[in-house]
PDB file of N, CA and C in Angstrom:
ATOM      1  N   MET A   1      -6.656  -7.065  -0.739  1.00  0.00           N
ATOM      2  CA  MET A   1      -5.915  -8.245  -1.137  1.00  0.00           C
ATOM      3  C   MET A   1      -4.547  -8.212  -0.456  1.00  0.00           C
ATOM      4  N   ASP A   2      -4.131  -9.343   0.036  1.00  0.00           N
ATOM      5  CA  ASP A   2      -2.813  -9.469   0.643  1.00  0.00           C
ATOM      6  C   ASP A   2      -1.813  -9.920  -0.408  1.00  0.00           C
ATOM      7  N   VAL A   3      -0.633  -9.298  -0.397  1.00  0.00           N
ATOM      8  CA  VAL A   3       0.451  -9.738  -1.262  1.00  0.00           C
ATOM      9  C   VAL A   3       1.588 -10.237  -0.382  1.00  0.00           C
ATOM     10  N   THR A   4       2.479 -11.020  -0.977  1.00  0.00           N
ATOM     11  CA  THR A   4       3.589 -11.629  -0.246  1.00  0.00           C
ATOM     12  C   THR A   4       4.892 -11.379  -1.005  1.00  0.00           C
ATOM     13  N   ASP A   5       5.995 -11.812  -0.391  1.00  0.00           N
ATOM     14  CA  ASP A   5       7.282 -11.736  -1.084  1.00  0.00           C
ATOM     15  C   ASP A   5       7.184 -12.420  -2.445  1.00  0.00           C
ATOM     16  N   LYS A   6       6.499 -13.566  -2.481  1.00  0.00           N
ATOM     17  CA  LYS A   6       6.409 -14.351  -3.723  1.00  0.00           C
ATOM     18  C   LYS A   6       5.516 -13.695  -4.770  1.00  0.00           C
ATOM     19  N   SER A   7       4.431 -13.067  -4.349  1.00  0.00           N
ATOM     20  CA  SER A   7       3.473 -12.515  -5.317  1.00  0.00           C
ATOM     21  C   SER A   7       3.710 -11.042  -5.648  1.00  0.00           C
ATOM     22  N   PHE A   8       4.616 -10.385  -4.937  1.00  0.00           N
ATOM     23  CA  PHE A   8       4.808  -8.940  -5.079  1.00  0.00           C
ATOM     24  C   PHE A   8       5.149  -8.527  -6.509  1.00  0.00           C
ATOM     25  N   GLN A   9       6.066  -9.233  -7.143  1.00  0.00           N
ATOM     26  CA  GLN A   9       6.491  -8.874  -8.501  1.00  0.00           C
ATOM     27  C   GLN A   9       5.295  -8.843  -9.458  1.00  0.00           C
ATOM     28  N   GLU A  10       4.478  -9.895  -9.401  1.00  0.00           N
ATOM     29  CA  GLU A  10       3.336  -9.987 -10.317  1.00  0.00           C
ATOM     30  C   GLU A  10       2.190  -9.061  -9.911  1.00  0.00           C
ATOM     31  N   GLU A  11       1.818  -9.092  -8.618  1.00  0.00           N
ATOM     32  CA  GLU A  11       0.609  -8.393  -8.178  1.00  0.00           C
ATOM     33  C   GLU A  11       0.806  -6.903  -7.926  1.00  0.00           C
ATOM     34  N   VAL A  12       2.066  -6.474  -7.794  1.00  0.00           N
ATOM     35  CA  VAL A  12       2.316  -5.045  -7.597  1.00  0.00           C
ATOM     36  C   VAL A  12       3.098  -4.469  -8.779  1.00  0.00           C
ATOM     37  N   ILE A  13       4.310  -4.930  -8.969  1.00  0.00           N
ATOM     38  CA  ILE A  13       5.174  -4.335  -9.998  1.00  0.00           C
ATOM     39  C   ILE A  13       4.556  -4.479 -11.388  1.00  0.00           C
ATOM     40  N   GLU A  14       4.260  -5.702 -11.802  1.00  0.00           N
ATOM     41  CA  GLU A  14       3.704  -5.917 -13.146  1.00  0.00           C
ATOM     42  C   GLU A  14       2.302  -5.320 -13.279  1.00  0.00           C
ATOM     43  N   ALA A  15       1.483  -5.476 -12.237  1.00  0.00           N
ATOM     44  CA  ALA A  15       0.113  -4.944 -12.278  1.00  0.00           C
ATOM     45  C   ALA A  15       0.098  -3.420 -12.385  1.00  0.00           C
ATOM     46  N   SER A  16       1.145  -2.760 -11.858  1.00  0.00           N
ATOM     47  CA  SER A  16       1.167  -1.292 -11.846  1.00  0.00           C
ATOM     48  C   SER A  16       1.358  -0.683 -13.235  1.00  0.00           C
ATOM     49  N   PHE A  17       1.645  -1.520 -14.230  1.00  0.00           N
ATOM     50  CA  PHE A  17       1.717  -1.021 -15.604  1.00  0.00           C
ATOM     51  C   PHE A  17       0.313  -0.867 -16.200  1.00  0.00           C
ATOM     52  N   LYS A  18      -0.673  -1.574 -15.611  1.00  0.00           N
ATOM     53  CA  LYS A  18      -2.056  -1.488 -16.081  1.00  0.00           C
ATOM     54  C   LYS A  18      -2.853  -0.449 -15.292  1.00  0.00           C
ATOM     55  N   LYS A  19      -2.647  -0.447 -13.963  1.00  0.00           N
ATOM     56  CA  LYS A  19      -3.385   0.446 -13.066  1.00  0.00           C
ATOM     57  C   LYS A  19      -2.482   0.693 -11.854  1.00  0.00           C
ATOM     58  N   PRO A  20      -2.434   1.920 -11.319  1.00  0.00           N
ATOM     59  CA  PRO A  20      -1.603   2.163 -10.137  1.00  0.00           C
ATOM     60  C   PRO A  20      -1.970   1.208  -8.996  1.00  0.00           C
ATOM     61  N   VAL A  21      -0.947   0.781  -8.251  1.00  0.00           N
ATOM     62  CA  VAL A  21      -1.143  -0.118  -7.118  1.00  0.00           C
ATOM     63  C   VAL A  21      -0.639   0.586  -5.858  1.00  0.00           C
ATOM     64  N   VAL A  22      -1.494   0.657  -4.846  1.00  0.00           N
ATOM     65  CA  VAL A  22      -1.136   1.229  -3.554  1.00  0.00           C
ATOM     66  C   VAL A  22      -0.873   0.070  -2.601  1.00  0.00           C
ATOM     67  N   VAL A  23       0.316   0.082  -1.974  1.00  0.00           N
ATOM     68  CA  VAL A  23       0.687  -0.982  -1.042  1.00  0.00           C
ATOM     69  C   VAL A  23       0.712  -0.413   0.370  1.00  0.00           C
ATOM     70  N   ASP A  24      -0.049  -1.043   1.257  1.00  0.00           N
ATOM     71  CA  ASP A  24      -0.067  -0.711   2.679  1.00  0.00           C
ATOM     72  C   ASP A  24       0.860  -1.705   3.369  1.00  0.00           C
ATOM     73  N   PHE A  25       2.064  -1.248   3.760  1.00  0.00           N
ATOM     74  CA  PHE A  25       3.013  -2.082   4.497  1.00  0.00           C
ATOM     75  C   PHE A  25       2.627  -1.996   5.967  1.00  0.00           C
ATOM     76  N   TRP A  26       2.336  -3.136   6.593  1.00  0.00           N
ATOM     77  CA  TRP A  26       1.798  -3.144   7.948  1.00  0.00           C
ATOM     78  C   TRP A  26       2.290  -4.377   8.710  1.00  0.00           C
ATOM     79  N   ALA A  27       1.928  -4.472   9.993  1.00  0.00           N
ATOM     80  CA  ALA A  27       2.182  -5.663  10.813  1.00  0.00           C
ATOM     81  C   ALA A  27       1.056  -5.777  11.835  1.00  0.00           C
ATOM     82  N   PRO A  28       0.742  -7.014  12.240  1.00  0.00           N
ATOM     83  CA  PRO A  28      -0.382  -7.228  13.162  1.00  0.00           C
ATOM     84  C   PRO A  28      -0.205  -6.551  14.525  1.00  0.00           C
ATOM     85  N   TRP A  29       1.034  -6.382  14.987  1.00  0.00           N
ATOM     86  CA  TRP A  29       1.294  -5.805  16.307  1.00  0.00           C
ATOM     87  C   TRP A  29       1.331  -4.278  16.304  1.00  0.00           C
ATOM     88  N   CYS A  30       1.144  -3.653  15.155  1.00  0.00           N
ATOM     89  CA  CYS A  30       1.280  -2.198  14.997  1.00  0.00           C
ATOM     90  C   CYS A  30      -0.074  -1.513  15.203  1.00  0.00           C
ATOM     91  N   GLY A  31      -0.197  -0.746  16.282  1.00  0.00           N
ATOM     92  CA  GLY A  31      -1.447  -0.050  16.594  1.00  0.00           C
ATOM     93  C   GLY A  31      -1.933   0.871  15.487  1.00  0.00           C
ATOM     94  N   PRO A  32      -1.087   1.799  15.007  1.00  0.00           N
ATOM     95  CA  PRO A  32      -1.523   2.681  13.918  1.00  0.00           C
ATOM     96  C   PRO A  32      -1.920   1.907  12.654  1.00  0.00           C
ATOM     97  N   CYS A  33      -1.272   0.756  12.432  1.00  0.00           N
ATOM     98  CA  CYS A  33      -1.632  -0.077  11.267  1.00  0.00           C
ATOM     99  C   CYS A  33      -3.059  -0.594  11.415  1.00  0.00           C
ATOM    100  N   GLN A  34      -3.424  -0.957  12.647  1.00  0.00           N
ATOM    101  CA  GLN A  34      -4.773  -1.462  12.901  1.00  0.00           C
ATOM    102  C   GLN A  34      -5.815  -0.371  12.648  1.00  0.00           C
ATOM    103  N   MET A  35      -5.436   0.883  12.907  1.00  0.00           N
ATOM    104  CA  MET A  35      -6.362   1.993  12.641  1.00  0.00           C
ATOM    105  C   MET A  35      -6.465   2.261  11.138  1.00  0.00           C
ATOM    106  N   LEU A  36      -5.335   2.167  10.423  1.00  0.00           N
ATOM    107  CA  LEU A  36      -5.318   2.480   8.996  1.00  0.00           C
ATOM    108  C   LEU A  36      -5.970   1.381   8.153  1.00  0.00           C
ATOM    109  N   GLY A  37      -5.876   0.133   8.596  1.00  0.00           N
ATOM    110  CA  GLY A  37      -6.393  -0.999   7.816  1.00  0.00           C
ATOM    111  C   GLY A  37      -7.825  -0.826   7.326  1.00  0.00           C
ATOM    112  N   PRO A  38      -8.786  -0.584   8.227  1.00  0.00           N
ATOM    113  CA  PRO A  38     -10.183  -0.416   7.790  1.00  0.00           C
ATOM    114  C   PRO A  38     -10.368   0.803   6.881  1.00  0.00           C
ATOM    115  N   ILE A  39      -9.586   1.846   7.108  1.00  0.00           N
ATOM    116  CA  ILE A  39      -9.661   3.039   6.255  1.00  0.00           C
ATOM    117  C   ILE A  39      -9.225   2.684   4.841  1.00  0.00           C
ATOM    118  N   MET A  40      -8.125   1.922   4.724  1.00  0.00           N
ATOM    119  CA  MET A  40      -7.632   1.529   3.402  1.00  0.00           C
ATOM    120  C   MET A  40      -8.648   0.632   2.697  1.00  0.00           C
ATOM    121  N   GLU A  41      -9.330  -0.230   3.453  1.00  0.00           N
ATOM    122  CA  GLU A  41     -10.353  -1.097   2.852  1.00  0.00           C
ATOM    123  C   GLU A  41     -11.521  -0.264   2.318  1.00  0.00           C
ATOM    124  N   GLU A  42     -11.923   0.737   3.089  1.00  0.00           N
ATOM    125  CA  GLU A  42     -13.009   1.634   2.659  1.00  0.00           C
ATOM    126  C   GLU A  42     -12.601   2.386   1.387  1.00  0.00           C
ATOM    127  N   VAL A  43     -11.388   2.925   1.387  1.00  0.00           N
ATOM    128  CA  VAL A  43     -10.894   3.675   0.228  1.00  0.00           C
ATOM    129  C   VAL A  43     -10.736   2.742  -0.977  1.00  0.00           C
ATOM    130  N   ALA A  44     -10.283   1.513  -0.732  1.00  0.00           N
ATOM    131  CA  ALA A  44     -10.098   0.537  -1.823  1.00  0.00           C
ATOM    132  C   ALA A  44     -11.407   0.300  -2.558  1.00  0.00           C
ATOM    133  N   GLU A  45     -12.491   0.199  -1.813  1.00  0.00           N
ATOM    134  CA  GLU A  45     -13.799  -0.032  -2.431  1.00  0.00           C
ATOM    135  C   GLU A  45     -14.218   1.176  -3.270  1.00  0.00           C
ATOM    136  N   GLU A  46     -14.038   2.356  -2.705  1.00  0.00           N
ATOM    137  CA  GLU A  46     -14.452   3.578  -3.398  1.00  0.00           C
ATOM    138  C   GLU A  46     -13.594   3.862  -4.643  1.00  0.00           C
ATOM    139  N   TYR A  47     -12.319   3.494  -4.583  1.00  0.00           N
ATOM    140  CA  TYR A  47     -11.377   3.825  -5.664  1.00  0.00           C
ATOM    141  C   TYR A  47     -11.025   2.624  -6.538  1.00  0.00           C
ATOM    142  N   LYS A  48     -11.819   1.559  -6.474  1.00  0.00           N
ATOM    143  CA  LYS A  48     -11.459   0.316  -7.171  1.00  0.00           C
ATOM    144  C   LYS A  48     -11.285   0.481  -8.679  1.00  0.00           C
ATOM    145  N   ASP A  49     -11.928   1.470  -9.275  1.00  0.00           N
ATOM    146  CA  ASP A  49     -11.771   1.694 -10.715  1.00  0.00           C
ATOM    147  C   ASP A  49     -10.507   2.479 -11.057  1.00  0.00           C
ATOM    148  N   LYS A  50      -9.930   3.160 -10.052  1.00  0.00           N
ATOM    149  CA  LYS A  50      -8.756   4.011 -10.293  1.00  0.00           C
ATOM    150  C   LYS A  50      -7.445   3.356  -9.879  1.00  0.00           C
ATOM    151  N   VAL A  51      -7.453   2.676  -8.719  1.00  0.00           N
ATOM    152  CA  VAL A  51      -6.229   2.062  -8.185  1.00  0.00           C
ATOM    153  C   VAL A  51      -6.556   0.711  -7.560  1.00  0.00           C
ATOM    154  N   GLU A  52      -5.540  -0.114  -7.466  1.00  0.00           N
ATOM    155  CA  GLU A  52      -5.629  -1.377  -6.725  1.00  0.00           C
ATOM    156  C   GLU A  52      -4.946  -1.127  -5.387  1.00  0.00           C
ATOM    157  N   ILE A  53      -5.602  -1.459  -4.287  1.00  0.00           N
ATOM    158  CA  ILE A  53      -4.999  -1.285  -2.965  1.00  0.00           C
ATOM    159  C   ILE A  53      -4.776  -2.661  -2.360  1.00  0.00           C
ATOM    160  N   VAL A  54      -3.512  -2.917  -1.964  1.00  0.00           N
ATOM    161  CA  VAL A  54      -3.134  -4.213  -1.404  1.00  0.00           C
ATOM    162  C   VAL A  54      -2.387  -3.998  -0.093  1.00  0.00           C
ATOM    163  N   LYS A  55      -2.263  -5.090   0.675  1.00  0.00           N
ATOM    164  CA  LYS A  55      -1.565  -5.037   1.959  1.00  0.00           C
ATOM    165  C   LYS A  55      -0.409  -6.026   1.944  1.00  0.00           C
ATOM    166  N   LEU A  56       0.694  -5.649   2.605  1.00  0.00           N
ATOM    167  CA  LEU A  56       1.822  -6.558   2.756  1.00  0.00           C
ATOM    168  C   LEU A  56       2.236  -6.563   4.217  1.00  0.00           C
ATOM    169  N   ASP A  57       2.154  -7.727   4.862  1.00  0.00           N
ATOM    170  CA  ASP A  57       2.548  -7.906   6.259  1.00  0.00           C
ATOM    171  C   ASP A  57       4.076  -7.976   6.307  1.00  0.00           C
ATOM    172  N   VAL A  58       4.720  -6.934   6.844  1.00  0.00           N
ATOM    173  CA  VAL A  58       6.186  -6.873   6.838  1.00  0.00           C
ATOM    174  C   VAL A  58       6.814  -7.905   7.768  1.00  0.00           C
ATOM    175  N   GLN A  59       6.057  -8.366   8.748  1.00  0.00           N
ATOM    176  CA  GLN A  59       6.572  -9.380   9.670  1.00  0.00           C
ATOM    177  C   GLN A  59       6.777 -10.708   8.949  1.00  0.00           C
ATOM    178  N   ASP A  60       5.850 -11.051   8.061  1.00  0.00           N
ATOM    179  CA  ASP A  60       5.922 -12.320   7.332  1.00  0.00           C
ATOM    180  C   ASP A  60       6.588 -12.191   5.966  1.00  0.00           C
ATOM    181  N   ASN A  61       6.835 -10.978   5.513  1.00  0.00           N
ATOM    182  CA  ASN A  61       7.388 -10.743   4.171  1.00  0.00           C
ATOM    183  C   ASN A  61       8.527  -9.732   4.249  1.00  0.00           C
ATOM    184  N   GLN A  62       9.593 -10.142   4.930  1.00  0.00           N
ATOM    185  CA  GLN A  62      10.694  -9.223   5.212  1.00  0.00           C
ATOM    186  C   GLN A  62      11.546  -8.901   3.987  1.00  0.00           C
ATOM    187  N   GLU A  63      11.517  -9.759   2.979  1.00  0.00           N
ATOM    188  CA  GLU A  63      12.332  -9.519   1.786  1.00  0.00           C
ATOM    189  C   GLU A  63      11.886  -8.244   1.067  1.00  0.00           C
ATOM    190  N   VAL A  64      10.596  -8.143   0.769  1.00  0.00           N
ATOM    191  CA  VAL A  64      10.076  -6.949   0.091  1.00  0.00           C
ATOM    192  C   VAL A  64      10.241  -5.724   0.989  1.00  0.00           C
ATOM    193  N   ALA A  65       9.963  -5.872   2.277  1.00  0.00           N
ATOM    194  CA  ALA A  65      10.109  -4.752   3.211  1.00  0.00           C
ATOM    195  C   ALA A  65      11.544  -4.234   3.205  1.00  0.00           C
ATOM    196  N   SER A  66      12.504  -5.132   3.136  1.00  0.00           N
ATOM    197  CA  SER A  66      13.915  -4.755   3.102  1.00  0.00           C
ATOM    198  C   SER A  66      14.275  -4.050   1.796  1.00  0.00           C
ATOM    199  N   VAL A  67      13.801  -4.589   0.683  1.00  0.00           N
ATOM    200  CA  VAL A  67      14.087  -3.994  -0.634  1.00  0.00           C
ATOM    201  C   VAL A  67      13.618  -2.538  -0.681  1.00  0.00           C
ATOM    202  N   TYR A  68      12.467  -2.257  -0.079  1.00  0.00           N
ATOM    203  CA  TYR A  68      11.901  -0.909  -0.133  1.00  0.00           C
ATOM    204  C   TYR A  68      12.219  -0.074   1.111  1.00  0.00           C
ATOM    205  N   GLY A  69      13.132  -0.572   1.952  1.00  0.00           N
ATOM    206  CA  GLY A  69      13.611   0.201   3.090  1.00  0.00           C
ATOM    207  C   GLY A  69      12.539   0.579   4.087  1.00  0.00           C
ATOM    208  N   ILE A  70      11.612  -0.339   4.337  1.00  0.00           N
ATOM    209  CA  ILE A  70      10.527  -0.054   5.280  1.00  0.00           C
ATOM    210  C   ILE A  70      11.087  -0.101   6.699  1.00  0.00           C
ATOM    211  N   MET A  71      11.171   1.065   7.335  1.00  0.00           N
ATOM    212  CA  MET A  71      11.689   1.168   8.697  1.00  0.00           C
ATOM    213  C   MET A  71      10.576   1.500   9.690  1.00  0.00           C
ATOM    214  N   SER A  72       9.571   2.222   9.238  1.00  0.00           N
ATOM    215  CA  SER A  72       8.432   2.606  10.070  1.00  0.00           C
ATOM    216  C   SER A  72       7.163   2.146   9.374  1.00  0.00           C
ATOM    217  N   ILE A  73       6.184   1.739  10.173  1.00  0.00           N
ATOM    218  CA  ILE A  73       4.900   1.334   9.613  1.00  0.00           C
ATOM    219  C   ILE A  73       3.786   2.008  10.409  1.00  0.00           C
ATOM    220  N   PRO A  74       2.633   2.202   9.823  1.00  0.00           N
ATOM    221  CA  PRO A  74       2.307   1.860   8.445  1.00  0.00           C
ATOM    222  C   PRO A  74       3.027   2.766   7.448  1.00  0.00           C
ATOM    223  N   ALA A  75       3.457   2.157   6.361  1.00  0.00           N
ATOM    224  CA  ALA A  75       4.051   2.889   5.242  1.00  0.00           C
ATOM    225  C   ALA A  75       3.200   2.560   4.022  1.00  0.00           C
ATOM    226  N   VAL A  76       2.782   3.570   3.309  1.00  0.00           N
ATOM    227  CA  VAL A  76       1.914   3.367   2.146  1.00  0.00           C
ATOM    228  C   VAL A  76       2.621   3.945   0.925  1.00  0.00           C
ATOM    229  N   LYS A  77       2.744   3.126  -0.112  1.00  0.00           N
ATOM    230  CA  LYS A  77       3.455   3.537  -1.323  1.00  0.00           C
ATOM    231  C   LYS A  77       2.595   3.259  -2.549  1.00  0.00           C
ATOM    232  N   MET A  78       2.601   4.203  -3.482  1.00  0.00           N
ATOM    233  CA  MET A  78       1.891   4.008  -4.742  1.00  0.00           C
ATOM    234  C   MET A  78       2.903   3.661  -5.829  1.00  0.00           C
ATOM    235  N   PHE A  79       2.632   2.554  -6.526  1.00  0.00           N
ATOM    236  CA  PHE A  79       3.470   2.111  -7.636  1.00  0.00           C
ATOM    237  C   PHE A  79       2.742   2.376  -8.941  1.00  0.00           C
ATOM    238  N   LYS A  80       3.474   2.951  -9.903  1.00  0.00           N
ATOM    239  CA  LYS A  80       2.950   3.187 -11.240  1.00  0.00           C
ATOM    240  C   LYS A  80       4.066   2.834 -12.212  1.00  0.00           C
ATOM    241  N   ASP A  81       3.763   2.044 -13.222  1.00  0.00           N
ATOM    242  CA  ASP A  81       4.768   1.613 -14.200  1.00  0.00           C
ATOM    243  C   ASP A  81       5.993   0.999 -13.526  1.00  0.00           C
ATOM    244  N   GLY A  82       5.749   0.223 -12.453  1.00  0.00           N
ATOM    245  CA  GLY A  82       6.816  -0.501 -11.778  1.00  0.00           C
ATOM    246  C   GLY A  82       7.645   0.300 -10.801  1.00  0.00           C
ATOM    247  N   LYS A  83       7.318   1.574 -10.611  1.00  0.00           N
ATOM    248  CA  LYS A  83       8.117   2.437  -9.735  1.00  0.00           C
ATOM    249  C   LYS A  83       7.238   3.110  -8.685  1.00  0.00           C
ATOM    250  N   ILE A  84       7.868   3.467  -7.544  1.00  0.00           N
ATOM    251  CA  ILE A  84       7.165   4.230  -6.513  1.00  0.00           C
ATOM    252  C   ILE A  84       7.018   5.665  -7.007  1.00  0.00           C
ATOM    253  N   VAL A  85       5.791   6.157  -7.014  1.00  0.00           N
ATOM    254  CA  VAL A  85       5.547   7.533  -7.463  1.00  0.00           C
ATOM    255  C   VAL A  85       5.106   8.448  -6.319  1.00  0.00           C
ATOM    256  N   SER A  86       4.681   7.853  -5.196  1.00  0.00           N
ATOM    257  CA  SER A  86       4.242   8.649  -4.059  1.00  0.00           C
ATOM    258  C   SER A  86       4.185   7.749  -2.831  1.00  0.00           C
ATOM    259  N   GLU A  87       4.290   8.355  -1.643  1.00  0.00           N
ATOM    260  CA  GLU A  87       4.249   7.558  -0.410  1.00  0.00           C
ATOM    261  C   GLU A  87       3.908   8.438   0.780  1.00  0.00           C
ATOM    262  N   PHE A  88       3.425   7.786   1.850  1.00  0.00           N
ATOM    263  CA  PHE A  88       3.244   8.473   3.123  1.00  0.00           C
ATOM    264  C   PHE A  88       3.456   7.482   4.256  1.00  0.00           C
ATOM    265  N   LEU A  89       3.755   8.025   5.439  1.00  0.00           N
ATOM    266  CA  LEU A  89       3.958   7.223   6.642  1.00  0.00           C
ATOM    267  C   LEU A  89       2.891   7.567   7.664  1.00  0.00           C
ATOM    268  N   GLY A  90       2.494   6.568   8.455  1.00  0.00           N
ATOM    269  CA  GLY A  90       1.569   6.799   9.547  1.00  0.00           C
ATOM    270  C   GLY A  90       0.111   6.692   9.141  1.00  0.00           C
ATOM    271  N   ALA A  91      -0.736   6.618  10.161  1.00  0.00           N
ATOM    272  CA  ALA A  91      -2.176   6.516   9.928  1.00  0.00           C
ATOM    273  C   ALA A  91      -2.727   7.884   9.539  1.00  0.00           C
ATOM    274  N   LYS A  92      -3.691   7.881   8.643  1.00  0.00           N
ATOM    275  CA  LYS A  92      -4.361   9.107   8.196  1.00  0.00           C
ATOM    276  C   LYS A  92      -5.861   8.828   8.131  1.00  0.00           C
ATOM    277  N   PRO A  93      -6.685   9.862   8.261  1.00  0.00           N
ATOM    278  CA  PRO A  93      -8.125   9.663   8.067  1.00  0.00           C
ATOM    279  C   PRO A  93      -8.423   9.389   6.593  1.00  0.00           C
ATOM    280  N   ALA A  94      -9.577   8.820   6.325  1.00  0.00           N
ATOM    281  CA  ALA A  94      -9.959   8.462   4.956  1.00  0.00           C
ATOM    282  C   ALA A  94      -9.874   9.658   4.016  1.00  0.00           C
ATOM    283  N   SER A  95     -10.296  10.828   4.481  1.00  0.00           N
ATOM    284  CA  SER A  95     -10.274  12.015   3.614  1.00  0.00           C
ATOM    285  C   SER A  95      -8.853  12.342   3.163  1.00  0.00           C
ATOM    286  N   ALA A  96      -7.871  12.186   4.053  1.00  0.00           N
ATOM    287  CA  ALA A  96      -6.476  12.478   3.710  1.00  0.00           C
ATOM    288  C   ALA A  96      -5.912  11.420   2.764  1.00  0.00           C
ATOM    289  N   VAL A  97      -6.304  10.160   2.953  1.00  0.00           N
ATOM    290  CA  VAL A  97      -5.848   9.091   2.056  1.00  0.00           C
ATOM    291  C   VAL A  97      -6.404   9.332   0.650  1.00  0.00           C
ATOM    292  N   LYS A  98      -7.678   9.687   0.568  1.00  0.00           N
ATOM    293  CA  LYS A  98      -8.299   9.957  -0.739  1.00  0.00           C
ATOM    294  C   LYS A  98      -7.627  11.144  -1.424  1.00  0.00           C
ATOM    295  N   GLU A  99      -7.353  12.189  -0.659  1.00  0.00           N
ATOM    296  CA  GLU A  99      -6.685  13.368  -1.218  1.00  0.00           C
ATOM    297  C   GLU A  99      -5.298  12.985  -1.740  1.00  0.00           C
ATOM    298  N   TRP A 100      -4.563  12.163  -0.977  1.00  0.00           N
ATOM    299  CA  TRP A 100      -3.229  11.705  -1.394  1.00  0.00           C
ATOM    300  C   TRP A 100      -3.321  10.917  -2.704  1.00  0.00           C
ATOM    301  N   ILE A 101      -4.298  10.018  -2.798  1.00  0.00           N
ATOM    302  CA  ILE A 101      -4.458   9.235  -4.033  1.00  0.00           C
ATOM    303  C   ILE A 101      -4.775  10.166  -5.203  1.00  0.00           C
ATOM    304  N   ASP A 102      -5.722  11.071  -5.008  1.00  0.00           N
ATOM    305  CA  ASP A 102      -6.106  11.995  -6.085  1.00  0.00           C
ATOM    306  C   ASP A 102      -4.907  12.811  -6.575  1.00  0.00           C
ATOM    307  N   GLU A 103      -4.091  13.291  -5.634  1.00  0.00           N
ATOM    308  CA  GLU A 103      -2.915  14.093  -6.001  1.00  0.00           C
ATOM    309  C   GLU A 103      -1.844  13.244  -6.680  1.00  0.00           C
ATOM    310  N   SER A 104      -1.789  11.961  -6.351  1.00  0.00           N
ATOM    311  CA  SER A 104      -0.739  11.077  -6.863  1.00  0.00           C
ATOM    312  C   SER A 104      -1.058  10.488  -8.226  1.00  0.00           C
ATOM    313  N   LEU A 105      -2.328  10.509  -8.610  1.00  0.00           N
ATOM    314  CA  LEU A 105      -2.715   9.891  -9.888  1.00  0.00           C
ATOM    315  C   LEU A 105      -2.311  10.726 -11.089  1.00  0.00           C
TER     316      LEU A 105
END
């Protein structure tokens, strides 16, 4: 699911009080983001009962990217109870993303 500056508060911050939300901050021109995208989709399907995984295009949604100090992409952050509880930068294989989620829950 894609989130935007307008939907971020509801779909990430508020939703994270019910279930952790993982946000993949990315941009269409970012090579590593293109590699991570399909991996995040695969992990999202496998982990749908544990976490919600969403994407935010930083090129089109600069307000949220600025608030969270996104300087490098891909940047992946897990929100729980409205706060960032874990994060990583750069593309990772599916096994590493799953391990990160498991450790962060």
